[in-house]
Every structure is written in structure tokens, then in C-alpha cells.
Amino acid sequence: MAKQPSAKAQVAAYLDALPPDARKALKQVRAAIRMAAPKAEEGFSYRIPSVRLDDRPLVWYAAFKNHYSIYPIGVSITRALAKDVDQYETSKGTIRFPLDEPVPVALVKKLVKARIAEAKQRGK
């Protein structure tokens, strides 16, 4: 049986397969997530990059034709950060960012930190 590639290798392959604009955006998203959650570990599930913290899923991120998304960003987070996210498309558990706009690095960090706080609250 063949050994599955490491999460880091899977993420690298995922990013390499993207068009240049999407690759650039997701590399910035990836860096922002790492800054917001320096103790988190890279993962790969549901065929997209993910980040795990304390051995539990924290966020996933993926690129599409015209946007990239971060998951799960639930209603409690979008309400708490309403003035920051109101210009972006949201749906149940997802926030979408247009590929033709600069990556809102500060917002990505806020979203990840909010997910960390949410995860810690649920863990209690």
C-alpha cells in the first residue's frame, strides 16, 4: 500500500495546481493564518488545505474560479465582525473573498483568532 503524502506536500501540490492569481491569494491567506495561529498545524482534508489546532480542525481554505473561501466562519463570528465582513459574500459557515481584490490579511487574522476563541469556548 502506498504511503499518503504529508499534509504539507498535499497543500503544496494543491497550491501549485492553481492559476497564478488564486495561488498568490491563497499563499497570502496561508501566511495570515499562520501568523494568527502560530501553534497550528497544516492539514489537508476534503481535498483542500486546512489548519488544525490542538489536534482539532480550525479552518479550511480553498480557491475557486472567481473567489477563495475560508471555512467554517459561522454566524456568531460574522455577527461579531459584521462591519468587517459586510462587504463580502457569506453563507452558512463560509466567507468568500473576490480574487480580483487584495487579500484582507488583517481580516483573515481576525477571523482565525475568532475561530480559536470559538474552539476554546466549545472545548470548555
N, C-alpha and C. Protein backbone atom coordinates (compact mmCIF):
# COMPACT_ATOMS: atom_id res chain seq x y z
N MET A 1 0.85 -1.17 0.00
CA MET A 1 0.00 0.00 0.00
C MET A 1 0.90 1.24 0.00
N ALA A 2 0.59 2.20 -0.86
CA ALA A 2 1.38 3.42 -0.98
C ALA A 2 1.12 4.35 0.19
N LYS A 3 2.18 4.97 0.64
CA LYS A 3 2.07 5.92 1.74
C LYS A 3 1.48 7.23 1.22
N GLN A 4 0.54 7.78 1.97
CA GLN A 4 -0.09 9.04 1.59
C GLN A 4 0.91 10.18 1.80
N PRO A 5 0.98 11.14 0.87
CA PRO A 5 1.89 12.27 1.05
C PRO A 5 1.55 13.06 2.32
N SER A 6 2.53 13.75 2.85
CA SER A 6 2.31 14.56 4.05
C SER A 6 1.32 15.68 3.73
N ALA A 7 0.72 16.23 4.78
CA ALA A 7 -0.22 17.34 4.60
C ALA A 7 0.48 18.51 3.91
N LYS A 8 1.71 18.78 4.31
CA LYS A 8 2.47 19.88 3.71
C LYS A 8 2.64 19.65 2.21
N ALA A 9 2.95 18.42 1.82
CA ALA A 9 3.12 18.10 0.40
C ALA A 9 1.79 18.21 -0.35
N GLN A 10 0.70 17.79 0.29
CA GLN A 10 -0.61 17.89 -0.34
C GLN A 10 -1.02 19.35 -0.52
N VAL A 11 -0.75 20.18 0.48
CA VAL A 11 -1.07 21.61 0.36
C VAL A 11 -0.23 22.23 -0.76
N ALA A 12 1.05 21.89 -0.80
CA ALA A 12 1.93 22.43 -1.85
C ALA A 12 1.43 22.02 -3.23
N ALA A 13 1.03 20.77 -3.39
CA ALA A 13 0.51 20.31 -4.67
C ALA A 13 -0.79 21.03 -5.04
N TYR A 14 -1.65 21.23 -4.04
CA TYR A 14 -2.91 21.95 -4.26
C TYR A 14 -2.61 23.37 -4.76
N LEU A 15 -1.72 24.06 -4.07
CA LEU A 15 -1.38 25.44 -4.45
C LEU A 15 -0.73 25.49 -5.82
N ASP A 16 0.16 24.54 -6.10
CA ASP A 16 0.84 24.51 -7.40
C ASP A 16 -0.12 24.31 -8.56
N ALA A 17 -1.23 23.63 -8.31
CA ALA A 17 -2.19 23.35 -9.37
C ALA A 17 -3.13 24.53 -9.66
N LEU A 18 -3.09 25.56 -8.83
CA LEU A 18 -3.99 26.71 -9.01
C LEU A 18 -3.47 27.68 -10.06
N PRO A 19 -4.37 28.44 -10.67
CA PRO A 19 -3.93 29.54 -11.53
C PRO A 19 -3.14 30.55 -10.70
N PRO A 20 -2.26 31.31 -11.33
CA PRO A 20 -1.37 32.22 -10.58
C PRO A 20 -2.08 33.18 -9.63
N ASP A 21 -3.20 33.78 -10.02
CA ASP A 21 -3.87 34.74 -9.14
C ASP A 21 -4.43 34.06 -7.89
N ALA A 22 -4.99 32.88 -8.07
CA ALA A 22 -5.53 32.13 -6.93
C ALA A 22 -4.41 31.63 -6.04
N ARG A 23 -3.31 31.17 -6.65
CA ARG A 23 -2.16 30.70 -5.87
C ARG A 23 -1.59 31.82 -5.00
N LYS A 24 -1.45 32.99 -5.59
CA LYS A 24 -0.91 34.14 -4.85
C LYS A 24 -1.82 34.48 -3.67
N ALA A 25 -3.12 34.53 -3.90
CA ALA A 25 -4.07 34.87 -2.84
C ALA A 25 -4.03 33.83 -1.73
N LEU A 26 -4.04 32.55 -2.08
CA LEU A 26 -4.06 31.52 -1.04
C LEU A 26 -2.75 31.45 -0.27
N LYS A 27 -1.66 31.77 -0.91
CA LYS A 27 -0.39 31.81 -0.17
C LYS A 27 -0.43 32.93 0.88
N GLN A 28 -1.07 34.05 0.54
CA GLN A 28 -1.22 35.14 1.50
C GLN A 28 -2.17 34.74 2.62
N VAL A 29 -3.25 34.05 2.27
CA VAL A 29 -4.20 33.56 3.28
C VAL A 29 -3.49 32.59 4.21
N ARG A 30 -2.74 31.67 3.64
CA ARG A 30 -2.00 30.68 4.42
C ARG A 30 -1.04 31.36 5.40
N ALA A 31 -0.32 32.38 4.92
CA ALA A 31 0.61 33.11 5.78
C ALA A 31 -0.13 33.84 6.90
N ALA A 32 -1.27 34.45 6.57
CA ALA A 32 -2.05 35.16 7.59
C ALA A 32 -2.57 34.19 8.65
N ILE A 33 -3.00 33.02 8.22
CA ILE A 33 -3.48 32.01 9.17
C ILE A 33 -2.34 31.60 10.09
N ARG A 34 -1.17 31.38 9.53
CA ARG A 34 -0.01 31.00 10.35
C ARG A 34 0.34 32.08 11.37
N MET A 35 0.22 33.34 10.96
CA MET A 35 0.51 34.44 11.89
C MET A 35 -0.51 34.48 13.02
N ALA A 36 -1.76 34.24 12.70
CA ALA A 36 -2.82 34.29 13.70
C ALA A 36 -2.83 33.07 14.60
N ALA A 37 -2.34 31.95 14.09
CA ALA A 37 -2.35 30.69 14.85
C ALA A 37 -0.99 30.00 14.69
N PRO A 38 0.05 30.59 15.30
CA PRO A 38 1.40 30.05 15.08
C PRO A 38 1.60 28.62 15.59
N LYS A 39 0.78 28.16 16.51
CA LYS A 39 0.92 26.79 17.03
C LYS A 39 0.10 25.78 16.24
N ALA A 40 -0.63 26.25 15.26
CA ALA A 40 -1.47 25.36 14.46
C ALA A 40 -0.62 24.54 13.49
N GLU A 41 -1.18 23.41 13.09
CA GLU A 41 -0.51 22.51 12.16
C GLU A 41 -1.26 22.48 10.83
N GLU A 42 -0.50 22.38 9.76
CA GLU A 42 -1.10 22.30 8.45
C GLU A 42 -1.76 20.94 8.27
N GLY A 43 -2.87 20.95 7.57
CA GLY A 43 -3.57 19.72 7.28
C GLY A 43 -4.13 19.75 5.88
N PHE A 44 -4.74 18.66 5.50
CA PHE A 44 -5.36 18.57 4.17
C PHE A 44 -6.51 17.59 4.29
N SER A 45 -7.72 18.09 4.15
CA SER A 45 -8.89 17.22 4.20
C SER A 45 -9.98 17.79 3.30
N TYR A 46 -10.90 16.95 2.91
CA TYR A 46 -11.94 17.33 1.96
C TYR A 46 -11.33 17.87 0.66
N ARG A 47 -10.12 17.42 0.37
CA ARG A 47 -9.37 17.81 -0.84
C ARG A 47 -8.98 19.28 -0.88
N ILE A 48 -8.92 19.92 0.29
CA ILE A 48 -8.48 21.32 0.37
C ILE A 48 -7.57 21.50 1.59
N PRO A 49 -6.75 22.57 1.58
CA PRO A 49 -5.89 22.83 2.73
C PRO A 49 -6.70 23.15 3.98
N SER A 50 -6.14 22.74 5.11
CA SER A 50 -6.78 23.01 6.39
C SER A 50 -5.71 23.33 7.42
N VAL A 51 -6.17 23.77 8.57
CA VAL A 51 -5.29 24.05 9.69
C VAL A 51 -5.91 23.42 10.92
N ARG A 52 -5.09 22.75 11.71
CA ARG A 52 -5.55 22.09 12.93
C ARG A 52 -4.85 22.73 14.12
N LEU A 53 -5.60 22.87 15.18
CA LEU A 53 -5.05 23.41 16.42
C LEU A 53 -5.47 22.49 17.55
N ASP A 54 -4.52 22.12 18.37
CA ASP A 54 -4.78 21.19 19.48
C ASP A 54 -5.43 19.90 18.96
N ASP A 55 -4.93 19.45 17.82
CA ASP A 55 -5.38 18.22 17.18
C ASP A 55 -6.86 18.23 16.78
N ARG A 56 -7.39 19.44 16.56
CA ARG A 56 -8.78 19.58 16.11
C ARG A 56 -8.81 20.53 14.91
N PRO A 57 -9.73 20.33 13.98
CA PRO A 57 -9.83 21.24 12.83
C PRO A 57 -10.11 22.67 13.29
N LEU A 58 -9.42 23.61 12.67
CA LEU A 58 -9.65 25.03 12.97
C LEU A 58 -10.29 25.72 11.77
N VAL A 59 -9.60 25.74 10.64
CA VAL A 59 -10.15 26.34 9.42
C VAL A 59 -9.68 25.57 8.19
N TRP A 60 -10.45 25.72 7.12
CA TRP A 60 -10.10 25.24 5.80
C TRP A 60 -10.09 26.46 4.90
N TYR A 61 -9.37 26.37 3.78
CA TYR A 61 -9.38 27.45 2.80
C TYR A 61 -9.22 26.84 1.41
N ALA A 62 -9.86 27.47 0.43
CA ALA A 62 -9.86 26.92 -0.92
C ALA A 62 -10.08 28.02 -1.94
N ALA A 63 -9.60 27.77 -3.15
CA ALA A 63 -9.77 28.72 -4.25
C ALA A 63 -10.74 28.16 -5.28
N PHE A 64 -11.45 29.08 -5.91
CA PHE A 64 -12.40 28.74 -6.96
C PHE A 64 -12.17 29.69 -8.13
N LYS A 65 -13.01 29.64 -9.13
CA LYS A 65 -12.79 30.42 -10.35
C LYS A 65 -12.67 31.92 -10.08
N ASN A 66 -13.58 32.48 -9.28
CA ASN A 66 -13.60 33.93 -9.07
C ASN A 66 -13.42 34.36 -7.62
N HIS A 67 -13.26 33.40 -6.74
CA HIS A 67 -13.14 33.75 -5.32
C HIS A 67 -12.34 32.68 -4.58
N TYR A 68 -12.03 32.98 -3.34
CA TYR A 68 -11.49 31.98 -2.42
C TYR A 68 -12.31 32.08 -1.15
N SER A 69 -12.34 30.99 -0.41
CA SER A 69 -13.19 30.91 0.77
C SER A 69 -12.42 30.43 1.98
N ILE A 70 -12.95 30.79 3.14
CA ILE A 70 -12.44 30.29 4.41
C ILE A 70 -13.63 29.69 5.14
N TYR A 71 -13.42 28.51 5.73
CA TYR A 71 -14.47 27.78 6.43
C TYR A 71 -13.96 27.34 7.80
N PRO A 72 -14.68 26.99 8.76
CA PRO A 72 -16.05 27.43 8.97
C PRO A 72 -16.05 28.80 9.67
N ILE A 73 -16.72 29.71 9.09
CA ILE A 73 -16.91 31.03 9.69
C ILE A 73 -18.40 31.16 9.90
N GLY A 74 -18.83 30.79 11.08
CA GLY A 74 -20.25 30.72 11.39
C GLY A 74 -20.90 32.06 11.68
N VAL A 75 -22.17 31.99 11.93
CA VAL A 75 -23.00 33.18 12.15
C VAL A 75 -22.50 34.00 13.33
N SER A 76 -22.08 33.35 14.40
CA SER A 76 -21.63 34.11 15.57
C SER A 76 -20.41 34.97 15.24
N ILE A 77 -19.52 34.45 14.40
CA ILE A 77 -18.34 35.22 14.02
C ILE A 77 -18.72 36.32 13.04
N THR A 78 -19.54 36.01 12.04
CA THR A 78 -19.91 37.05 11.08
C THR A 78 -20.72 38.17 11.74
N ARG A 79 -21.50 37.83 12.77
CA ARG A 79 -22.21 38.88 13.51
C ARG A 79 -21.25 39.73 14.31
N ALA A 80 -20.31 39.07 14.98
CA ALA A 80 -19.35 39.80 15.82
C ALA A 80 -18.44 40.70 14.98
N LEU A 81 -18.16 40.29 13.76
CA LEU A 81 -17.27 41.06 12.89
C LEU A 81 -18.04 41.67 11.71
N ALA A 82 -19.32 41.95 11.94
CA ALA A 82 -20.21 42.41 10.86
C ALA A 82 -19.65 43.58 10.07
N LYS A 83 -19.12 44.58 10.74
CA LYS A 83 -18.64 45.75 9.99
C LYS A 83 -17.42 45.42 9.14
N ASP A 84 -16.69 44.36 9.51
CA ASP A 84 -15.52 43.94 8.74
C ASP A 84 -15.88 43.03 7.57
N VAL A 85 -16.95 42.24 7.73
CA VAL A 85 -17.27 41.24 6.71
C VAL A 85 -18.46 41.60 5.83
N ASP A 86 -19.12 42.72 6.12
CA ASP A 86 -20.36 43.03 5.38
C ASP A 86 -20.14 43.24 3.89
N GLN A 87 -18.94 43.54 3.47
CA GLN A 87 -18.68 43.74 2.05
C GLN A 87 -18.40 42.43 1.29
N TYR A 88 -18.32 41.33 2.04
CA TYR A 88 -18.02 40.03 1.45
C TYR A 88 -19.25 39.13 1.47
N GLU A 89 -19.30 38.22 0.53
CA GLU A 89 -20.39 37.26 0.47
C GLU A 89 -20.19 36.20 1.55
N THR A 90 -21.24 35.96 2.30
CA THR A 90 -21.18 34.93 3.34
C THR A 90 -22.36 33.98 3.15
N SER A 91 -22.18 32.78 3.63
CA SER A 91 -23.27 31.83 3.69
C SER A 91 -23.00 30.96 4.90
N LYS A 92 -23.83 30.00 5.13
CA LYS A 92 -23.70 29.18 6.33
C LYS A 92 -22.28 28.59 6.43
N GLY A 93 -21.49 29.15 7.32
CA GLY A 93 -20.16 28.62 7.58
C GLY A 93 -19.06 29.07 6.65
N THR A 94 -19.35 29.98 5.74
CA THR A 94 -18.37 30.35 4.72
C THR A 94 -18.31 31.86 4.53
N ILE A 95 -17.10 32.33 4.26
CA ILE A 95 -16.94 33.70 3.80
C ILE A 95 -16.14 33.64 2.50
N ARG A 96 -16.60 34.39 1.50
CA ARG A 96 -15.98 34.37 0.17
C ARG A 96 -15.33 35.72 -0.11
N PHE A 97 -14.13 35.66 -0.64
CA PHE A 97 -13.38 36.86 -0.99
C PHE A 97 -13.11 36.84 -2.49
N PRO A 98 -13.35 37.95 -3.18
CA PRO A 98 -13.10 38.00 -4.63
C PRO A 98 -11.60 37.89 -4.92
N LEU A 99 -11.27 37.15 -5.97
CA LEU A 99 -9.87 37.00 -6.36
C LEU A 99 -9.30 38.28 -6.96
N ASP A 100 -10.16 39.15 -7.45
CA ASP A 100 -9.66 40.36 -8.11
C ASP A 100 -9.46 41.53 -7.14
N GLU A 101 -9.51 41.25 -5.84
CA GLU A 101 -9.25 42.28 -4.82
C GLU A 101 -8.08 41.82 -3.95
N PRO A 102 -7.37 42.78 -3.33
CA PRO A 102 -6.28 42.39 -2.43
C PRO A 102 -6.79 41.53 -1.27
N VAL A 103 -5.95 40.62 -0.82
CA VAL A 103 -6.30 39.77 0.31
C VAL A 103 -6.38 40.63 1.57
N PRO A 104 -7.50 40.60 2.29
CA PRO A 104 -7.62 41.38 3.52
C PRO A 104 -6.93 40.64 4.68
N VAL A 105 -5.61 40.73 4.70
CA VAL A 105 -4.80 39.96 5.65
C VAL A 105 -5.23 40.20 7.09
N ALA A 106 -5.46 41.45 7.46
CA ALA A 106 -5.88 41.75 8.84
C ALA A 106 -7.21 41.08 9.17
N LEU A 107 -8.13 41.05 8.23
CA LEU A 107 -9.42 40.40 8.45
C LEU A 107 -9.26 38.89 8.57
N VAL A 108 -8.43 38.30 7.74
CA VAL A 108 -8.19 36.86 7.82
C VAL A 108 -7.66 36.52 9.21
N LYS A 109 -6.73 37.32 9.71
CA LYS A 109 -6.20 37.09 11.06
C LYS A 109 -7.31 37.19 12.10
N LYS A 110 -8.17 38.20 11.98
CA LYS A 110 -9.29 38.36 12.92
C LYS A 110 -10.21 37.15 12.89
N LEU A 111 -10.50 36.67 11.69
CA LEU A 111 -11.38 35.51 11.55
C LEU A 111 -10.78 34.27 12.21
N VAL A 112 -9.49 34.07 11.99
CA VAL A 112 -8.82 32.91 12.58
C VAL A 112 -8.77 33.03 14.10
N LYS A 113 -8.48 34.21 14.59
CA LYS A 113 -8.46 34.40 16.05
C LYS A 113 -9.85 34.19 16.65
N ALA A 114 -10.87 34.62 15.93
CA ALA A 114 -12.25 34.38 16.39
C ALA A 114 -12.56 32.89 16.40
N ARG A 115 -12.08 32.16 15.40
CA ARG A 115 -12.27 30.70 15.38
C ARG A 115 -11.53 30.04 16.54
N ILE A 116 -10.34 30.54 16.87
CA ILE A 116 -9.60 29.98 18.00
C ILE A 116 -10.39 30.19 19.29
N ALA A 117 -10.91 31.41 19.47
CA ALA A 117 -11.70 31.70 20.68
C ALA A 117 -12.95 30.82 20.71
N GLU A 118 -13.59 30.65 19.58
CA GLU A 118 -14.79 29.82 19.50
C GLU A 118 -14.46 28.36 19.84
N ALA A 119 -13.37 27.88 19.32
CA ALA A 119 -12.95 26.49 19.58
C ALA A 119 -12.62 26.29 21.05
N LYS A 120 -11.96 27.26 21.64
CA LYS A 120 -11.61 27.15 23.07
C LYS A 120 -12.88 27.18 23.91
N GLN A 121 -13.84 28.01 23.55
CA GLN A 121 -15.11 28.08 24.27
C GLN A 121 -15.85 26.77 24.20
N ARG A 122 -15.85 26.15 23.03
CA ARG A 122 -16.55 24.86 22.86
C ARG A 122 -15.84 23.75 23.61
N GLY A 123 -14.53 23.89 23.77
CA GLY A 123 -13.74 22.87 24.47
C GLY A 123 -13.93 22.85 25.96
N LYS A 124 -14.52 23.92 26.50
CA LYS A 124 -14.72 24.00 27.96
C LYS A 124 -15.86 23.16 28.41
